[in-house]
Amino acid sequence: MILSELLPHRPPMLLIQEPLEITPDFCQAQVKITAQSPFIRLGQVPAHVALEYFAQTAAAHAGWLARQSGETPRPGRLVACRKLSLEVAGFKLGELLSVEVSPQGEGAGAHSYRGRLRRLPGGELLAEGVITLILV
């Protein structure tokens, strides 16, 4: 699936690359830290940007689910984060990252996702948390 069909984001604010895997219960995308990556300073992207990686991957998942049921994907807004754990200060130039989200529930128009960000290769956990999106 082409990412532009699932998300309203466009470069330079499209921070994730094509999804690697999407199922009803999981979405995995990839991020490559380059000199052109938004938010890069002194050769790294601050770790708190993981929240936006989670949000874009979750929105891609929600867009995919909408497409599966014949609906048009809707933009999402990040409205909350809980239990955020950042294991590093930032993501270094040249790093390849895996962003994984899985739905945790929904209600009153809000969708919660557990996010995990891992370094590739190897899968070292760099960040995790639970985010809430509202689809508009």
C-alpha atoms as a PDB file:
ATOM      1  CA  MET A   1       0.000   0.000   0.000  1.00  0.00           C
ATOM      2  CA  ILE A   2       1.285   3.474  -0.861  1.00  0.00           C
ATOM      3  CA  LEU A   3       1.676   5.632   2.236  1.00  0.00           C
ATOM      4  CA  SER A   4       0.246   8.736   0.551  1.00  0.00           C
ATOM      5  CA  GLU A   5      -3.058   6.835   0.212  1.00  0.00           C
ATOM      6  CA  LEU A   6      -3.235   6.367   3.994  1.00  0.00           C
ATOM      7  CA  LEU A   7      -1.912   9.660   5.403  1.00  0.00           C
ATOM      8  CA  PRO A   8      -2.391  13.336   4.531  1.00  0.00           C
ATOM      9  CA  HIS A   9       1.283  14.057   5.374  1.00  0.00           C
ATOM     10  CA  ARG A  10       3.740  15.001   2.658  1.00  0.00           C
ATOM     11  CA  PRO A  11       7.500  15.591   2.794  1.00  0.00           C
ATOM     12  CA  PRO A  12       9.185  17.085   4.653  1.00  0.00           C
ATOM     13  CA  MET A  13       6.689  16.267   7.445  1.00  0.00           C
ATOM     14  CA  LEU A  14       6.108  12.686   6.327  1.00  0.00           C
ATOM     15  CA  LEU A  15       8.543  11.140   8.785  1.00  0.00           C
ATOM     16  CA  ILE A  16       7.961   7.432   8.199  1.00  0.00           C
ATOM     17  CA  GLN A  17       8.720   5.436   5.075  1.00  0.00           C
ATOM     18  CA  GLU A  18       6.477   2.828   3.479  1.00  0.00           C
ATOM     19  CA  PRO A  19       4.825   0.432   5.911  1.00  0.00           C
ATOM     20  CA  LEU A  20       6.635  -2.895   6.174  1.00  0.00           C
ATOM     21  CA  GLU A  21       3.643  -4.818   7.492  1.00  0.00           C
ATOM     22  CA  ILE A  22      -0.008  -3.981   8.147  1.00  0.00           C
ATOM     23  CA  THR A  23      -2.595  -6.316   9.642  1.00  0.00           C
ATOM     24  CA  PRO A  24      -5.803  -5.572  11.577  1.00  0.00           C
ATOM     25  CA  ASP A  25      -3.804  -5.781  14.840  1.00  0.00           C
ATOM     26  CA  PHE A  26      -0.393  -4.369  13.897  1.00  0.00           C
ATOM     27  CA  CYS A  27       1.451  -1.857  11.744  1.00  0.00           C
ATOM     28  CA  GLN A  28       5.193  -1.593  11.239  1.00  0.00           C
ATOM     29  CA  ALA A  29       6.929   1.216   9.360  1.00  0.00           C
ATOM     30  CA  GLN A  30      10.535   2.190   8.862  1.00  0.00           C
ATOM     31  CA  VAL A  31      12.413   5.444   9.523  1.00  0.00           C
ATOM     32  CA  LYS A  32      15.884   6.215   8.184  1.00  0.00           C
ATOM     33  CA  ILE A  33      17.643   9.128   9.895  1.00  0.00           C
ATOM     34  CA  THR A  34      19.279  11.254   7.204  1.00  0.00           C
ATOM     35  CA  ALA A  35      20.779  14.726   7.003  1.00  0.00           C
ATOM     36  CA  GLN A  36      17.409  15.822   5.539  1.00  0.00           C
ATOM     37  CA  SER A  37      15.338  14.381   8.408  1.00  0.00           C
ATOM     38  CA  PRO A  38      13.160  17.030  10.043  1.00  0.00           C
ATOM     39  CA  PHE A  39      14.273  17.936  13.574  1.00  0.00           C
ATOM     40  CA  ILE A  40      17.865  16.752  13.067  1.00  0.00           C
ATOM     41  CA  ARG A  41      20.332  18.764  15.163  1.00  0.00           C
ATOM     42  CA  LEU A  42      23.982  18.020  15.757  1.00  0.00           C
ATOM     43  CA  GLY A  43      23.708  14.706  13.900  1.00  0.00           C
ATOM     44  CA  GLN A  44      20.675  13.313  15.691  1.00  0.00           C
ATOM     45  CA  VAL A  45      16.903  13.555  15.988  1.00  0.00           C
ATOM     46  CA  PRO A  46      15.748  14.029  19.616  1.00  0.00           C
ATOM     47  CA  ALA A  47      14.163  10.892  21.085  1.00  0.00           C
ATOM     48  CA  HIS A  48      10.857  12.634  21.857  1.00  0.00           C
ATOM     49  CA  VAL A  49      10.193  12.725  18.083  1.00  0.00           C
ATOM     50  CA  ALA A  50       9.341   9.027  18.560  1.00  0.00           C
ATOM     51  CA  LEU A  51       5.874  10.300  19.534  1.00  0.00           C
ATOM     52  CA  GLU A  52       5.359  11.616  15.993  1.00  0.00           C
ATOM     53  CA  TYR A  53       6.748   8.380  14.520  1.00  0.00           C
ATOM     54  CA  PHE A  54       4.173   6.481  16.624  1.00  0.00           C
ATOM     55  CA  ALA A  55       1.387   8.888  15.620  1.00  0.00           C
ATOM     56  CA  GLN A  56       2.109   8.676  11.888  1.00  0.00           C
ATOM     57  CA  THR A  57       2.366   4.887  11.989  1.00  0.00           C
ATOM     58  CA  ALA A  58      -0.889   4.657  13.974  1.00  0.00           C
ATOM     59  CA  ALA A  59      -2.595   7.023  11.509  1.00  0.00           C
ATOM     60  CA  ALA A  60      -1.342   4.850   8.628  1.00  0.00           C
ATOM     61  CA  HIS A  61      -2.870   1.838  10.393  1.00  0.00           C
ATOM     62  CA  ALA A  62      -6.182   3.663  10.875  1.00  0.00           C
ATOM     63  CA  GLY A  63      -6.095   4.705   7.196  1.00  0.00           C
ATOM     64  CA  TRP A  64      -5.474   1.118   6.147  1.00  0.00           C
ATOM     65  CA  LEU A  65      -8.407  -0.090   8.268  1.00  0.00           C
ATOM     66  CA  ALA A  66     -10.628   2.586   6.699  1.00  0.00           C
ATOM     67  CA  ARG A  67      -9.602   1.462   3.198  1.00  0.00           C
ATOM     68  CA  GLN A  68     -10.333  -2.170   4.127  1.00  0.00           C
ATOM     69  CA  SER A  69     -13.929  -1.214   4.951  1.00  0.00           C
ATOM     70  CA  GLY A  70     -14.375   0.977   1.859  1.00  0.00           C
ATOM     71  CA  GLU A  71     -14.039   4.295   3.683  1.00  0.00           C
ATOM     72  CA  THR A  72     -11.756   7.251   3.054  1.00  0.00           C
ATOM     73  CA  PRO A  73      -8.839   7.596   5.503  1.00  0.00           C
ATOM     74  CA  ARG A  74      -9.212  10.555   7.875  1.00  0.00           C
ATOM     75  CA  PRO A  75      -6.454  12.721   9.324  1.00  0.00           C
ATOM     76  CA  GLY A  76      -5.525  11.972  12.918  1.00  0.00           C
ATOM     77  CA  ARG A  77      -4.535  14.282  15.761  1.00  0.00           C
ATOM     78  CA  LEU A  78      -2.230  13.159  18.555  1.00  0.00           C
ATOM     79  CA  VAL A  79      -4.023  14.117  21.770  1.00  0.00           C
ATOM     80  CA  ALA A  80      -2.325  12.135  24.542  1.00  0.00           C
ATOM     81  CA  CYS A  81       0.637  10.004  25.514  1.00  0.00           C
ATOM     82  CA  ARG A  82       1.019   7.714  28.513  1.00  0.00           C
ATOM     83  CA  LYS A  83       3.822   5.582  29.841  1.00  0.00           C
ATOM     84  CA  LEU A  84       6.452   7.051  27.516  1.00  0.00           C
ATOM     85  CA  SER A  85       9.877   5.489  27.967  1.00  0.00           C
ATOM     86  CA  LEU A  86      12.874   6.847  26.052  1.00  0.00           C
ATOM     87  CA  GLU A  87      16.005   4.707  26.337  1.00  0.00           C
ATOM     88  CA  VAL A  88      18.271   7.059  24.349  1.00  0.00           C
ATOM     89  CA  ALA A  89      18.653  10.833  24.004  1.00  0.00           C
ATOM     90  CA  GLY A  90      18.264  10.724  20.238  1.00  0.00           C
ATOM     91  CA  PHE A  91      18.435   8.800  16.986  1.00  0.00           C
ATOM     92  CA  LYS A  92      21.735   9.201  15.161  1.00  0.00           C
ATOM     93  CA  LEU A  93      22.389  10.080  11.548  1.00  0.00           C
ATOM     94  CA  GLY A  94      22.360   6.883   9.473  1.00  0.00           C
ATOM     95  CA  GLU A  95      20.257   4.845  11.915  1.00  0.00           C
ATOM     96  CA  LEU A  96      17.469   2.665  10.574  1.00  0.00           C
ATOM     97  CA  LEU A  97      14.483   2.385  12.910  1.00  0.00           C
ATOM     98  CA  SER A  98      11.432   0.143  13.073  1.00  0.00           C
ATOM     99  CA  VAL A  99       8.226   1.775  14.319  1.00  0.00           C
ATOM    100  CA  GLU A 100       5.589  -0.693  15.505  1.00  0.00           C
ATOM    101  CA  VAL A 101       2.088   0.103  16.713  1.00  0.00           C
ATOM    102  CA  SER A 102      -0.783  -2.062  17.851  1.00  0.00           C
ATOM    103  CA  PRO A 103      -4.299  -0.877  18.694  1.00  0.00           C
ATOM    104  CA  GLN A 104      -5.195  -0.917  22.377  1.00  0.00           C
ATOM    105  CA  GLY A 105      -8.829   0.146  22.108  1.00  0.00           C
ATOM    106  CA  GLU A 106     -11.122   2.930  21.073  1.00  0.00           C
ATOM    107  CA  GLY A 107     -13.998   4.933  22.419  1.00  0.00           C
ATOM    108  CA  ALA A 108     -15.698   8.296  21.923  1.00  0.00           C
ATOM    109  CA  GLY A 109     -13.765   8.784  18.683  1.00  0.00           C
ATOM    110  CA  ALA A 110     -10.375   8.240  20.318  1.00  0.00           C
ATOM    111  CA  HIS A 111      -8.028   5.436  19.295  1.00  0.00           C
ATOM    112  CA  SER A 112      -5.225   4.220  21.583  1.00  0.00           C
ATOM    113  CA  TYR A 113      -2.087   2.526  20.264  1.00  0.00           C
ATOM    114  CA  ARG A 114       0.939   1.000  21.957  1.00  0.00           C
ATOM    115  CA  GLY A 115       4.054   2.093  20.122  1.00  0.00           C
ATOM    116  CA  ARG A 116       7.540   0.620  20.112  1.00  0.00           C
ATOM    117  CA  LEU A 117      10.581   1.974  18.321  1.00  0.00           C
ATOM    118  CA  ARG A 118      13.510  -0.344  17.673  1.00  0.00           C
ATOM    119  CA  ARG A 119      16.951   0.012  16.119  1.00  0.00           C
ATOM    120  CA  LEU A 120      17.583  -2.120  13.040  1.00  0.00           C
ATOM    121  CA  PRO A 121      19.207  -4.508  12.689  1.00  0.00           C
ATOM    122  CA  GLY A 122      18.990  -6.227  16.043  1.00  0.00           C
ATOM    123  CA  GLY A 123      15.727  -4.895  17.420  1.00  0.00           C
ATOM    124  CA  GLU A 124      17.096  -2.977  20.429  1.00  0.00           C
ATOM    125  CA  LEU A 125      14.149  -1.170  22.060  1.00  0.00           C
ATOM    126  CA  LEU A 126      14.749   2.605  22.003  1.00  0.00           C
ATOM    127  CA  ALA A 127      11.315   4.003  22.923  1.00  0.00           C
ATOM    128  CA  GLU A 128       7.844   2.850  23.824  1.00  0.00           C
ATOM    129  CA  GLY A 129       4.593   4.344  25.005  1.00  0.00           C
ATOM    130  CA  VAL A 130       0.849   4.499  24.541  1.00  0.00           C
ATOM    131  CA  ILE A 131      -0.599   7.274  22.399  1.00  0.00           C
ATOM    132  CA  THR A 132      -4.160   8.384  21.732  1.00  0.00           C
ATOM    133  CA  LEU A 133      -5.340   9.736  18.383  1.00  0.00           C
ATOM    134  CA  ILE A 134      -8.592  11.362  17.403  1.00  0.00           C
ATOM    135  CA  LEU A 135      -9.546  10.950  13.749  1.00  0.00           C
ATOM    136  CA  VAL A 136     -11.014  14.137  12.295  1.00  0.00           C
END
